[in-house]
Amino acid sequence: MTDNCPNCPQQQVNPVAEDIRGTQVSHLYRCAGCGHIWSTNRDADAYGQEAA
């Protein structure tokens, strides 16, 4: 799952790391445009996806 950088206009940033615990999916991102690092936590069920 890609995300948009919250610090600059860069879109569709791919995660550099992923952690799956049950239906919770955490991604770590690093923007190639500005170098900003952030993470997200999502419930795979809310996105209609299955956690691997």
Protein backbone atom coordinates (compact mmCIF):
# COMPACT_ATOMS: atom_id res chain seq x y z
CA MET A 1 0.00 0.00 0.00
CA THR A 2 1.40 3.39 -0.93
CA ASP A 3 0.93 6.67 0.94
CA ASN A 4 1.41 10.36 0.18
CA CYS A 5 4.15 12.29 1.95
CA PRO A 6 2.72 14.54 4.68
CA ASN A 7 5.68 16.92 4.29
CA CYS A 8 5.86 17.57 0.52
CA PRO A 9 3.80 16.96 -2.65
CA GLN A 10 5.32 13.48 -3.29
CA GLN A 11 2.59 10.90 -3.94
CA GLN A 12 2.50 7.09 -3.97
CA VAL A 13 5.47 6.53 -1.67
CA ASN A 14 6.17 2.82 -1.19
CA PRO A 15 6.79 1.51 2.33
CA VAL A 16 10.35 0.60 3.34
CA ALA A 17 9.17 -1.78 6.11
CA GLU A 18 6.00 -3.62 7.08
CA ASP A 19 4.79 -5.33 10.26
CA ILE A 20 1.59 -7.39 10.41
CA ARG A 21 -0.07 -8.40 13.68
CA GLY A 22 -3.48 -9.95 13.22
CA THR A 23 -5.49 -7.50 11.15
CA GLN A 24 -3.23 -4.55 12.09
CA VAL A 25 -0.73 -3.54 9.40
CA SER A 26 2.03 -1.04 10.15
CA HIS A 27 4.09 0.57 7.40
CA LEU A 28 7.22 2.69 7.64
CA TYR A 29 7.77 5.18 4.83
CA ARG A 30 10.66 7.37 3.69
CA CYS A 31 9.98 10.00 1.05
CA ALA A 32 12.47 9.96 -1.83
CA GLY A 33 11.67 13.61 -2.52
CA CYS A 34 12.34 15.26 0.85
CA GLY A 35 13.60 12.44 3.11
CA HIS A 36 10.70 12.72 5.58
CA ILE A 37 10.07 9.50 7.57
CA TRP A 38 6.66 8.52 8.94
CA SER A 39 4.62 5.46 9.85
CA THR A 40 1.02 4.36 9.53
CA ASN A 41 -1.10 1.79 11.35
CA ARG A 42 -4.14 0.45 9.53
CA ASP A 43 -6.76 -2.20 10.12
CA ALA A 44 -6.70 -4.40 7.02
CA ASP A 45 -10.41 -5.21 7.47
CA ALA A 46 -11.29 -1.51 7.06
CA TYR A 47 -9.56 -1.49 3.65
CA GLY A 48 -11.17 -4.73 2.49
CA GLN A 49 -7.80 -6.49 2.53
CA GLU A 50 -6.53 -9.53 4.32
CA ALA A 51 -3.35 -9.29 6.37
CA ALA A 52 -0.82 -11.82 5.09
